[in-house]
PDB file of N, CA and C in Angstrom:
ATOM      1  N   UNK A   1      -0.539 -20.851   7.877  1.00  0.00           N
ATOM      2  CA  UNK A   1       0.617 -20.355   6.720  1.00  0.00           C
ATOM      3  C   UNK A   1       0.299 -18.929   6.727  1.00  0.00           C
ATOM      4  N   UNK A   2       1.517 -18.271   6.780  1.00  0.00           N
ATOM      5  CA  UNK A   2       1.688 -16.667   6.796  1.00  0.00           C
ATOM      6  C   UNK A   2       1.425 -16.252   5.571  1.00  0.00           C
ATOM      7  N   UNK A   3       1.023 -15.055   5.543  1.00  0.00           N
ATOM      8  CA  UNK A   3       0.831 -14.266   4.075  1.00  0.00           C
ATOM      9  C   UNK A   3       1.449 -12.956   4.115  1.00  0.00           C
ATOM     10  N   UNK A   4       1.798 -12.879   3.228  1.00  0.00           N
ATOM     11  CA  UNK A   4       2.790 -11.523   2.864  1.00  0.00           C
ATOM     12  C   UNK A   4       2.197 -10.654   1.611  1.00  0.00           C
ATOM     13  N   UNK A   5       1.768  -9.679   1.995  1.00  0.00           N
ATOM     14  CA  UNK A   5       1.172  -8.606   1.108  1.00  0.00           C
ATOM     15  C   UNK A   5       2.389  -7.488   0.618  1.00  0.00           C
ATOM     16  N   UNK A   6       2.532  -7.410  -1.016  1.00  0.00           N
ATOM     17  CA  UNK A   6       3.210  -6.340  -1.373  1.00  0.00           C
ATOM     18  C   UNK A   6       2.170  -5.273  -1.630  1.00  0.00           C
ATOM     19  N   UNK A   7       2.574  -4.303  -0.592  1.00  0.00           N
ATOM     20  CA  UNK A   7       1.955  -2.988  -0.724  1.00  0.00           C
ATOM     21  C   UNK A   7       2.365  -1.625  -1.530  1.00  0.00           C
ATOM     22  N   UNK A   8       2.092  -1.661  -2.733  1.00  0.00           N
ATOM     23  CA  UNK A   8       2.402  -0.785  -4.066  1.00  0.00           C
ATOM     24  C   UNK A   8       1.502   0.753  -3.490  1.00  0.00           C
ATOM     25  N   UNK A   9       2.045   1.631  -3.377  1.00  0.00           N
ATOM     26  CA  UNK A   9       1.476   2.628  -2.942  1.00  0.00           C
ATOM     27  C   UNK A   9       2.249   4.021  -3.422  1.00  0.00           C
ATOM     28  N   UNK A  10       1.726   4.972  -3.674  1.00  0.00           N
ATOM     29  CA  UNK A  10       2.251   6.382  -3.968  1.00  0.00           C
ATOM     30  C   UNK A  10       1.928   7.367  -2.633  1.00  0.00           C
ATOM     31  N   UNK A  11       2.866   7.838  -1.980  1.00  0.00           N
ATOM     32  CA  UNK A  11       2.515   8.670  -0.691  1.00  0.00           C
ATOM     33  C   UNK A  11       1.979   9.825  -0.923  1.00  0.00           C
ATOM     34  N   UNK A  12       2.222  10.437  -2.249  1.00  0.00           N
ATOM     35  CA  UNK A  12       1.813  11.653  -2.647  1.00  0.00           C
ATOM     36  C   UNK A  12       0.438  11.563  -2.901  1.00  0.00           C
ATOM     37  N   UNK A  13      -0.340  10.431  -2.899  1.00  0.00           N
ATOM     38  CA  UNK A  13      -1.858  10.387  -3.656  1.00  0.00           C
ATOM     39  C   UNK A  13      -2.730  10.305  -2.463  1.00  0.00           C
ATOM     40  N   UNK A  14      -4.009  11.118  -2.930  1.00  0.00           N
ATOM     41  CA  UNK A  14      -5.084  11.125  -1.953  1.00  0.00           C
ATOM     42  C   UNK A  14      -5.593   9.949  -1.893  1.00  0.00           C
ATOM     43  N   UNK A  15      -5.689   8.894  -2.747  1.00  0.00           N
ATOM     44  CA  UNK A  15      -6.103   7.463  -2.882  1.00  0.00           C
ATOM     45  C   UNK A  15      -5.550   6.717  -1.744  1.00  0.00           C
ATOM     46  N   UNK A  16      -4.179   6.890  -1.359  1.00  0.00           N
ATOM     47  CA  UNK A  16      -3.410   6.202  -0.640  1.00  0.00           C
ATOM     48  C   UNK A  16      -3.859   6.682   0.707  1.00  0.00           C
ATOM     49  N   UNK A  17      -3.862   7.885   1.270  1.00  0.00           N
ATOM     50  CA  UNK A  17      -4.431   8.546   2.121  1.00  0.00           C
ATOM     51  C   UNK A  17      -6.028   7.988   2.541  1.00  0.00           C
ATOM     52  N   UNK A  18      -7.008   8.068   1.741  1.00  0.00           N
ATOM     53  CA  UNK A  18      -7.996   7.508   2.129  1.00  0.00           C
ATOM     54  C   UNK A  18      -8.099   6.271   2.150  1.00  0.00           C
ATOM     55  N   UNK A  19      -7.458   5.321   1.347  1.00  0.00           N
ATOM     56  CA  UNK A  19      -7.399   3.553   1.751  1.00  0.00           C
ATOM     57  C   UNK A  19      -6.357   3.203   2.601  1.00  0.00           C
ATOM     58  N   UNK A  20      -5.584   3.953   3.134  1.00  0.00           N
ATOM     59  CA  UNK A  20      -4.648   2.969   4.059  1.00  0.00           C
ATOM     60  C   UNK A  20      -5.372   2.577   5.276  1.00  0.00           C
ATOM     61  N   UNK A  21      -6.124   3.268   6.237  1.00  0.00           N
ATOM     62  CA  UNK A  21      -6.636   2.857   7.350  1.00  0.00           C
ATOM     63  C   UNK A  21      -7.536   1.233   7.209  1.00  0.00           C
ATOM     64  N   UNK A  22      -8.362   1.418   5.969  1.00  0.00           N
ATOM     65  CA  UNK A  22      -9.015  -0.032   5.572  1.00  0.00           C
ATOM     66  C   UNK A  22      -8.146  -0.971   5.170  1.00  0.00           C
ATOM     67  N   UNK A  23      -7.162  -0.790   4.297  1.00  0.00           N
ATOM     68  CA  UNK A  23      -6.055  -1.777   4.028  1.00  0.00           C
ATOM     69  C   UNK A  23      -5.431  -2.561   5.346  1.00  0.00           C
ATOM     70  N   UNK A  24      -4.698  -1.470   6.311  1.00  0.00           N
ATOM     71  CA  UNK A  24      -4.239  -2.030   7.474  1.00  0.00           C
ATOM     72  C   UNK A  24      -5.069  -2.786   8.217  1.00  0.00           C
ATOM     73  N   UNK A  25      -6.534  -2.608   8.414  1.00  0.00           N
ATOM     74  CA  UNK A  25      -7.567  -3.220   8.872  1.00  0.00           C
ATOM     75  C   UNK A  25      -7.698  -4.549   8.201  1.00  0.00           C
ATOM     76  N   UNK A  26      -7.553  -4.679   6.774  1.00  0.00           N
ATOM     77  CA  UNK A  26      -7.823  -5.964   6.321  1.00  0.00           C
ATOM     78  C   UNK A  26      -6.631  -7.259   6.523  1.00  0.00           C
ATOM     79  N   UNK A  27      -5.535  -6.188   6.344  1.00  0.00           N
ATOM     80  CA  UNK A  27      -4.193  -6.917   6.539  1.00  0.00           C
ATOM     81  C   UNK A  27      -4.117  -7.563   8.175  1.00  0.00           C
ATOM     82  N   UNK A  28      -4.403  -6.714   9.062  1.00  0.00           N
ATOM     83  CA  UNK A  28      -4.446  -7.156  10.009  1.00  0.00           C
ATOM     84  C   UNK A  28      -5.669  -8.560  10.571  1.00  0.00           C
ATOM     85  N   UNK A  29      -6.912  -8.227   9.966  1.00  0.00           N
ATOM     86  CA  UNK A  29      -7.623  -9.391   9.926  1.00  0.00           C
ATOM     87  C   UNK A  29      -7.312 -10.620   9.717  1.00  0.00           C
ATOM     88  N   UNK A  30      -6.460 -10.760   8.859  1.00  0.00           N
ATOM     89  CA  UNK A  30      -5.795 -12.053   8.403  1.00  0.00           C
ATOM     90  C   UNK A  30      -4.287 -12.292   8.876  1.00  0.00           C
ATOM     91  N   UNK A  31      -3.918 -11.491   9.908  1.00  0.00           N
ATOM     92  CA  UNK A  31      -2.691 -11.356  10.540  1.00  0.00           C
ATOM     93  C   UNK A  31      -1.509 -11.666   9.062  1.00  0.00           C
ATOM     94  N   UNK A  32      -1.737 -10.667   8.147  1.00  0.00           N
ATOM     95  CA  UNK A  32      -0.842 -10.728   7.029  1.00  0.00           C
ATOM     96  C   UNK A  32       0.322  -9.637   7.552  1.00  0.00           C
ATOM     97  N   UNK A  33       1.709 -10.377   7.007  1.00  0.00           N
ATOM     98  CA  UNK A  33       2.572  -9.578   6.845  1.00  0.00           C
ATOM     99  C   UNK A  33       2.856  -8.391   5.685  1.00  0.00           C
ATOM    100  N   UNK A  34       2.695  -7.051   6.054  1.00  0.00           N
ATOM    101  CA  UNK A  34       2.758  -6.292   4.552  1.00  0.00           C
ATOM    102  C   UNK A  34       4.243  -5.465   4.393  1.00  0.00           C
ATOM    103  N   UNK A  35       4.578  -5.556   3.079  1.00  0.00           N
ATOM    104  CA  UNK A  35       5.970  -5.258   2.796  1.00  0.00           C
ATOM    105  C   UNK A  35       5.728  -4.111   2.094  1.00  0.00           C
ATOM    106  N   UNK A  36       5.778  -2.979   2.556  1.00  0.00           N
ATOM    107  CA  UNK A  36       5.731  -1.734   2.032  1.00  0.00           C
ATOM    108  C   UNK A  36       6.359  -1.586   0.350  1.00  0.00           C
ATOM    109  N   UNK A  37       5.908  -1.035  -0.416  1.00  0.00           N
ATOM    110  CA  UNK A  37       6.524  -0.940  -1.823  1.00  0.00           C
ATOM    111  C   UNK A  37       6.076   0.608  -2.322  1.00  0.00           C
ATOM    112  N   UNK A  38       6.717   1.636  -1.735  1.00  0.00           N
ATOM    113  CA  UNK A  38       6.350   3.038  -2.426  1.00  0.00           C
ATOM    114  C   UNK A  38       6.857   3.275  -3.826  1.00  0.00           C
ATOM    115  N   UNK A  39       5.946   3.904  -4.450  1.00  0.00           N
ATOM    116  CA  UNK A  39       6.352   4.126  -5.880  1.00  0.00           C
ATOM    117  C   UNK A  39       6.501   5.737  -5.936  1.00  0.00           C
ATOM    118  N   UNK A  40       7.185   6.092  -7.262  1.00  0.00           N
ATOM    119  CA  UNK A  40       7.222   7.762  -7.398  1.00  0.00           C
ATOM    120  C   UNK A  40       6.536   7.803  -8.598  1.00  0.00           C
ATOM    121  N   UNK A  41       5.384   8.641  -8.368  1.00  0.00           N
ATOM    122  CA  UNK A  41       4.209   8.439  -9.699  1.00  0.00           C
ATOM    123  C   UNK A  41       4.950   9.547 -10.598  1.00  0.00           C
ATOM    124  N   UNK A  42       5.946  10.317 -10.221  1.00  0.00           N
ATOM    125  CA  UNK A  42       6.846  11.524 -11.276  1.00  0.00           C
ATOM    126  C   UNK A  42       7.534  10.550 -12.306  1.00  0.00           C
ATOM    127  N   UNK A  43       7.888   9.384 -11.946  1.00  0.00           N
ATOM    128  CA  UNK A  43       8.649   8.181 -12.637  1.00  0.00           C
ATOM    129  C   UNK A  43       7.790   7.601 -13.459  1.00  0.00           C
ATOM    130  N   UNK A  44       6.694   7.175 -13.228  1.00  0.00           N
ATOM    131  CA  UNK A  44       5.794   6.410 -13.675  1.00  0.00           C
ATOM    132  C   UNK A  44       5.244   7.143 -14.916  1.00  0.00           C
ATOM    133  N   UNK A  45       4.535   8.267 -14.625  1.00  0.00           N
ATOM    134  CA  UNK A  45       3.997   9.339 -15.505  1.00  0.00           C
ATOM    135  C   UNK A  45       4.878  10.480 -15.806  1.00  0.00           C
ATOM    136  N   UNK A  46       5.778  10.639 -16.479  1.00  0.00           N
ATOM    137  CA  UNK A  46       6.494  11.745 -16.482  1.00  0.00           C
ATOM    138  C   UNK A  46       5.821  12.767 -17.249  1.00  0.00           C
ATOM    139  N   UNK A  47       5.856  14.242 -16.746  1.00  0.00           N
ATOM    140  CA  UNK A  47       5.665  15.450 -17.567  1.00  0.00           C
ATOM    141  C   UNK A  47       6.109  15.696 -18.413  1.00  0.00           C
TER     142      UNK A  47
END
């Protein structure tokens, strides 16, 4: 059974940077396909 992970992330976020390597390792450990879904935080939280 193949798994697909929708990976919602904000490229400009420091949390994305800090968690990326761990996320990739987890996805590889279960041989999941990752579907990247970048989001623009400026559109989510307008100033």
